[in-house]
N, C-alpha and C. Protein backbone atom coordinates (compact mmCIF):
# COMPACT_ATOMS: atom_id res chain seq x y z
N MET A 1 -10.42 -11.73 7.76
CA MET A 1 -10.68 -10.41 8.28
C MET A 1 -10.56 -9.40 7.15
N GLU A 2 -11.51 -8.52 7.05
CA GLU A 2 -11.42 -7.45 6.05
C GLU A 2 -10.54 -6.32 6.60
N ILE A 3 -10.08 -5.49 5.71
CA ILE A 3 -9.19 -4.41 6.12
C ILE A 3 -9.89 -3.49 7.11
N LYS A 4 -11.16 -3.18 6.86
CA LYS A 4 -11.91 -2.31 7.77
C LYS A 4 -11.91 -2.89 9.19
N GLU A 5 -12.11 -4.20 9.28
CA GLU A 5 -12.09 -4.86 10.59
C GLU A 5 -10.70 -4.77 11.22
N ALA A 6 -9.67 -4.92 10.39
CA ALA A 6 -8.30 -4.80 10.89
C ALA A 6 -8.07 -3.39 11.45
N GLN A 7 -8.56 -2.39 10.73
CA GLN A 7 -8.41 -1.02 11.22
C GLN A 7 -9.11 -0.84 12.57
N LEU A 8 -10.28 -1.43 12.71
CA LEU A 8 -11.02 -1.33 13.98
C LEU A 8 -10.28 -2.05 15.10
N LYS A 9 -9.74 -3.24 14.80
CA LYS A 9 -9.00 -3.99 15.82
C LYS A 9 -7.74 -3.26 16.25
N VAL A 10 -7.04 -2.67 15.29
CA VAL A 10 -5.84 -1.89 15.62
C VAL A 10 -6.24 -0.71 16.49
N ASP A 11 -7.30 -0.02 16.13
CA ASP A 11 -7.75 1.13 16.93
C ASP A 11 -8.10 0.69 18.35
N HIS A 12 -8.80 -0.42 18.47
CA HIS A 12 -9.17 -0.93 19.79
C HIS A 12 -7.90 -1.24 20.59
N TRP A 13 -6.92 -1.88 19.97
CA TRP A 13 -5.67 -2.20 20.65
C TRP A 13 -4.97 -0.93 21.12
N ILE A 14 -4.92 0.06 20.25
CA ILE A 14 -4.27 1.32 20.61
C ILE A 14 -4.99 1.96 21.80
N GLN A 15 -6.32 2.01 21.74
CA GLN A 15 -7.10 2.67 22.78
C GLN A 15 -7.04 1.93 24.12
N THR A 16 -6.89 0.60 24.11
CA THR A 16 -6.92 -0.16 25.35
C THR A 16 -5.54 -0.52 25.89
N LEU A 17 -4.60 -0.82 25.01
CA LEU A 17 -3.27 -1.25 25.46
C LEU A 17 -2.15 -0.29 25.06
N GLY A 18 -2.33 0.40 23.97
CA GLY A 18 -1.27 1.26 23.46
C GLY A 18 -1.30 2.66 24.04
N VAL A 19 -2.28 2.97 24.84
CA VAL A 19 -2.50 4.27 25.49
C VAL A 19 -2.97 5.32 24.49
N ARG A 20 -2.20 5.56 23.44
CA ARG A 20 -2.58 6.53 22.40
C ARG A 20 -1.76 6.26 21.16
N TYR A 21 -2.19 6.84 20.04
CA TYR A 21 -1.40 6.75 18.81
C TYR A 21 -0.16 7.62 18.94
N PHE A 22 0.96 7.12 18.40
CA PHE A 22 2.09 8.02 18.19
C PHE A 22 1.65 9.01 17.12
N ASN A 23 2.30 10.16 17.04
CA ASN A 23 1.88 11.10 16.00
C ASN A 23 2.20 10.54 14.62
N GLU A 24 1.60 11.15 13.61
CA GLU A 24 1.69 10.63 12.24
C GLU A 24 3.13 10.55 11.73
N LEU A 25 3.93 11.53 12.08
CA LEU A 25 5.32 11.51 11.62
C LEU A 25 6.10 10.38 12.28
N THR A 26 5.88 10.17 13.57
CA THR A 26 6.53 9.06 14.26
C THR A 26 6.09 7.73 13.66
N ASN A 27 4.78 7.59 13.41
CA ASN A 27 4.30 6.34 12.82
C ASN A 27 4.84 6.13 11.41
N THR A 28 5.05 7.21 10.67
CA THR A 28 5.65 7.06 9.34
C THR A 28 7.09 6.55 9.47
N ALA A 29 7.82 7.08 10.43
CA ALA A 29 9.19 6.60 10.67
C ALA A 29 9.18 5.13 11.10
N ILE A 30 8.24 4.76 11.96
CA ILE A 30 8.13 3.36 12.39
C ILE A 30 7.80 2.47 11.20
N LEU A 31 6.92 2.95 10.31
CA LEU A 31 6.58 2.18 9.11
C LEU A 31 7.82 1.93 8.27
N MET A 32 8.65 2.96 8.09
CA MET A 32 9.88 2.79 7.31
C MET A 32 10.82 1.80 7.98
N GLU A 33 10.88 1.83 9.31
CA GLU A 33 11.72 0.88 10.04
C GLU A 33 11.22 -0.55 9.82
N GLU A 34 9.92 -0.74 9.88
CA GLU A 34 9.35 -2.07 9.69
C GLU A 34 9.56 -2.57 8.26
N VAL A 35 9.43 -1.69 7.29
CA VAL A 35 9.69 -2.06 5.89
C VAL A 35 11.16 -2.45 5.73
N GLY A 36 12.04 -1.74 6.41
CA GLY A 36 13.46 -2.08 6.37
C GLY A 36 13.74 -3.46 6.93
N GLU A 37 13.03 -3.82 8.01
CA GLU A 37 13.20 -5.15 8.59
C GLU A 37 12.75 -6.23 7.61
N LEU A 38 11.64 -5.99 6.92
CA LEU A 38 11.16 -6.93 5.91
C LEU A 38 12.18 -7.01 4.77
N ALA A 39 12.69 -5.88 4.33
CA ALA A 39 13.65 -5.85 3.23
C ALA A 39 14.91 -6.64 3.59
N ARG A 40 15.34 -6.54 4.83
CA ARG A 40 16.53 -7.28 5.26
C ARG A 40 16.30 -8.79 5.13
N ILE A 41 15.14 -9.25 5.59
CA ILE A 41 14.84 -10.68 5.49
C ILE A 41 14.74 -11.09 4.02
N MET A 42 14.06 -10.32 3.21
CA MET A 42 13.89 -10.65 1.80
C MET A 42 15.24 -10.72 1.09
N ALA A 43 16.11 -9.76 1.37
CA ALA A 43 17.43 -9.72 0.72
C ALA A 43 18.26 -10.94 1.08
N ARG A 44 18.11 -11.42 2.29
CA ARG A 44 18.91 -12.56 2.73
C ARG A 44 18.27 -13.89 2.37
N ARG A 45 16.96 -13.95 2.47
CA ARG A 45 16.29 -15.23 2.21
C ARG A 45 16.09 -15.49 0.72
N PHE A 46 15.79 -14.44 -0.04
CA PHE A 46 15.47 -14.63 -1.46
C PHE A 46 16.46 -13.93 -2.39
N GLY A 47 17.28 -13.06 -1.83
CA GLY A 47 18.25 -12.33 -2.63
C GLY A 47 19.61 -12.98 -2.58
N GLU A 48 20.62 -12.21 -2.87
CA GLU A 48 21.97 -12.73 -3.00
C GLU A 48 22.79 -12.63 -1.72
N GLN A 49 22.26 -11.96 -0.70
CA GLN A 49 23.00 -11.89 0.55
C GLN A 49 22.84 -13.20 1.32
N SER A 50 23.85 -13.56 2.08
CA SER A 50 23.77 -14.79 2.87
C SER A 50 22.92 -14.55 4.11
N GLU A 51 22.24 -15.60 4.51
CA GLU A 51 21.34 -15.52 5.66
C GLU A 51 22.05 -16.11 6.88
N LYS A 52 22.14 -15.31 7.94
CA LYS A 52 22.72 -15.80 9.19
C LYS A 52 21.73 -16.76 9.85
N GLU A 53 22.24 -17.58 10.75
CA GLU A 53 21.36 -18.51 11.48
C GLU A 53 20.25 -17.75 12.21
N THR A 54 20.59 -16.61 12.80
CA THR A 54 19.58 -15.83 13.53
C THR A 54 18.54 -15.23 12.58
N ASP A 55 18.95 -14.95 11.33
CA ASP A 55 17.99 -14.43 10.34
C ASP A 55 16.95 -15.48 9.98
N LYS A 56 17.35 -16.75 10.00
CA LYS A 56 16.46 -17.83 9.60
C LYS A 56 15.28 -17.98 10.56
N GLU A 57 15.42 -17.46 11.76
CA GLU A 57 14.36 -17.53 12.76
C GLU A 57 13.31 -16.43 12.56
N GLN A 58 13.62 -15.45 11.74
CA GLN A 58 12.71 -14.33 11.53
C GLN A 58 11.45 -14.80 10.80
N ASP A 59 10.30 -14.40 11.28
CA ASP A 59 9.01 -14.78 10.72
C ASP A 59 8.58 -13.73 9.69
N LEU A 60 8.63 -14.10 8.43
CA LEU A 60 8.29 -13.19 7.35
C LEU A 60 6.87 -12.64 7.49
N GLY A 61 5.92 -13.51 7.83
CA GLY A 61 4.54 -13.08 8.01
C GLY A 61 4.39 -12.08 9.14
N ASP A 62 5.12 -12.30 10.23
CA ASP A 62 5.07 -11.38 11.36
C ASP A 62 5.59 -10.00 10.97
N GLU A 63 6.64 -9.98 10.18
CA GLU A 63 7.19 -8.69 9.72
C GLU A 63 6.18 -7.97 8.82
N MET A 64 5.51 -8.71 7.94
CA MET A 64 4.49 -8.10 7.10
C MET A 64 3.32 -7.59 7.94
N ALA A 65 2.97 -8.34 8.98
CA ALA A 65 1.89 -7.91 9.88
C ALA A 65 2.27 -6.64 10.63
N ASP A 66 3.54 -6.51 11.01
CA ASP A 66 4.00 -5.27 11.65
C ASP A 66 3.75 -4.08 10.73
N ILE A 67 4.04 -4.26 9.45
CA ILE A 67 3.84 -3.19 8.47
C ILE A 67 2.36 -2.86 8.36
N LEU A 68 1.53 -3.89 8.26
CA LEU A 68 0.08 -3.68 8.16
C LEU A 68 -0.47 -2.98 9.39
N PHE A 69 0.02 -3.35 10.57
CA PHE A 69 -0.42 -2.71 11.81
C PHE A 69 -0.16 -1.21 11.77
N VAL A 70 1.07 -0.83 11.43
CA VAL A 70 1.41 0.59 11.42
C VAL A 70 0.66 1.32 10.30
N LEU A 71 0.48 0.65 9.17
CA LEU A 71 -0.29 1.25 8.08
C LEU A 71 -1.74 1.50 8.52
N CYS A 72 -2.30 0.55 9.26
CA CYS A 72 -3.65 0.75 9.81
C CYS A 72 -3.68 1.92 10.78
N CYS A 73 -2.64 2.06 11.59
CA CYS A 73 -2.56 3.21 12.50
C CYS A 73 -2.60 4.51 11.71
N LEU A 74 -1.77 4.60 10.69
CA LEU A 74 -1.73 5.83 9.88
C LEU A 74 -3.06 6.09 9.19
N ALA A 75 -3.69 5.04 8.68
CA ALA A 75 -4.99 5.21 8.04
C ALA A 75 -6.02 5.70 9.06
N ASN A 76 -6.04 5.11 10.23
CA ASN A 76 -6.97 5.55 11.27
C ASN A 76 -6.74 7.01 11.64
N GLN A 77 -5.49 7.38 11.77
CA GLN A 77 -5.16 8.75 12.17
C GLN A 77 -5.52 9.79 11.12
N THR A 78 -5.49 9.38 9.86
CA THR A 78 -5.72 10.35 8.78
C THR A 78 -7.09 10.20 8.13
N GLY A 79 -7.93 9.33 8.70
CA GLY A 79 -9.29 9.19 8.20
C GLY A 79 -9.41 8.43 6.89
N ILE A 80 -8.49 7.54 6.63
CA ILE A 80 -8.50 6.77 5.38
C ILE A 80 -9.18 5.43 5.62
N ASP A 81 -10.15 5.10 4.78
CA ASP A 81 -10.77 3.77 4.77
C ASP A 81 -9.95 2.95 3.79
N LEU A 82 -9.11 2.05 4.31
CA LEU A 82 -8.21 1.30 3.45
C LEU A 82 -8.94 0.35 2.50
N ASP A 83 -10.11 -0.17 2.90
CA ASP A 83 -10.91 -0.99 1.98
C ASP A 83 -11.24 -0.17 0.73
N LEU A 84 -11.78 1.02 0.95
CA LEU A 84 -12.18 1.89 -0.16
C LEU A 84 -10.95 2.34 -0.96
N ALA A 85 -9.90 2.71 -0.26
CA ALA A 85 -8.68 3.18 -0.94
C ALA A 85 -8.10 2.09 -1.83
N LEU A 86 -8.10 0.85 -1.35
CA LEU A 86 -7.56 -0.25 -2.16
C LEU A 86 -8.44 -0.53 -3.36
N GLU A 87 -9.76 -0.50 -3.17
CA GLU A 87 -10.68 -0.69 -4.30
C GLU A 87 -10.43 0.37 -5.38
N LYS A 88 -10.34 1.64 -4.97
CA LYS A 88 -10.09 2.72 -5.92
C LYS A 88 -8.74 2.55 -6.61
N ASN A 89 -7.74 2.10 -5.85
CA ASN A 89 -6.41 1.92 -6.41
C ASN A 89 -6.40 0.80 -7.44
N LEU A 90 -7.12 -0.30 -7.15
CA LEU A 90 -7.19 -1.40 -8.10
C LEU A 90 -7.93 -0.99 -9.37
N GLU A 91 -8.98 -0.19 -9.23
CA GLU A 91 -9.68 0.33 -10.42
C GLU A 91 -8.75 1.17 -11.26
N LYS A 92 -7.97 2.04 -10.61
CA LYS A 92 -7.02 2.90 -11.32
C LYS A 92 -6.00 2.05 -12.07
N LYS A 93 -5.44 1.07 -11.40
CA LYS A 93 -4.43 0.20 -12.03
C LYS A 93 -5.03 -0.59 -13.19
N THR A 94 -6.26 -1.07 -13.00
CA THR A 94 -6.91 -1.85 -14.04
C THR A 94 -7.13 -1.01 -15.30
N THR A 95 -7.57 0.20 -15.10
CA THR A 95 -7.79 1.10 -16.24
C THR A 95 -6.47 1.49 -16.90
N ARG A 96 -5.53 1.90 -16.10
CA ARG A 96 -4.25 2.39 -16.61
C ARG A 96 -3.41 1.29 -17.22
N ASP A 97 -3.43 0.10 -16.61
CA ASP A 97 -2.50 -0.95 -17.01
C ASP A 97 -3.18 -2.14 -17.69
N ALA A 98 -4.36 -1.91 -18.26
CA ALA A 98 -5.15 -3.00 -18.84
C ALA A 98 -4.35 -3.85 -19.82
N THR A 99 -3.50 -3.25 -20.62
CA THR A 99 -2.72 -4.01 -21.59
C THR A 99 -1.21 -3.84 -21.42
N ARG A 100 -0.82 -2.93 -20.59
CA ARG A 100 0.59 -2.58 -20.45
C ARG A 100 1.46 -3.78 -20.10
N HIS A 101 1.09 -4.54 -19.09
CA HIS A 101 1.94 -5.65 -18.66
C HIS A 101 1.90 -6.82 -19.62
N MET A 102 0.73 -7.06 -20.21
CA MET A 102 0.61 -8.17 -21.16
C MET A 102 1.43 -7.93 -22.42
N SER A 103 1.64 -6.68 -22.76
CA SER A 103 2.41 -6.38 -23.97
C SER A 103 3.89 -6.11 -23.67
N ASN A 104 4.31 -6.30 -22.43
CA ASN A 104 5.69 -6.08 -22.05
C ASN A 104 6.50 -7.34 -22.32
N PRO A 105 7.41 -7.32 -23.30
CA PRO A 105 8.18 -8.53 -23.62
C PRO A 105 9.06 -9.00 -22.46
N LYS A 106 9.40 -8.12 -21.54
CA LYS A 106 10.22 -8.50 -20.40
C LYS A 106 9.48 -9.41 -19.43
N LEU A 107 8.16 -9.41 -19.51
CA LEU A 107 7.35 -10.22 -18.60
C LEU A 107 6.90 -11.54 -19.20
N LYS A 108 7.22 -11.76 -20.45
CA LYS A 108 6.82 -13.01 -21.13
C LYS A 108 7.69 -14.16 -20.60
N PRO A 109 7.06 -15.34 -20.36
CA PRO A 109 7.85 -16.48 -19.89
C PRO A 109 8.79 -17.03 -20.95
């Protein structure tokens, strides 16, 4: 699925099952909450914190999908085409960072 299609599917879900979009500020807060949930799993599963048995049941992909869902909501609400935005962002990074990471001794194996 392309991002544009994801945005359309999210919009359809909101219009048919979600009743309406939460306002942009509420969705931004929800996005931060979802990122926090992902961070908790990452810190316990891949970081130095211990993972509880109940944490082990958490689906990392589902948490990432929650973030993508809310991000699509915000993009839809603010008129952002995420396909285009990501393409432009990758072009910017490619131009700006063309040699930066390759010449960083901290990144050498």
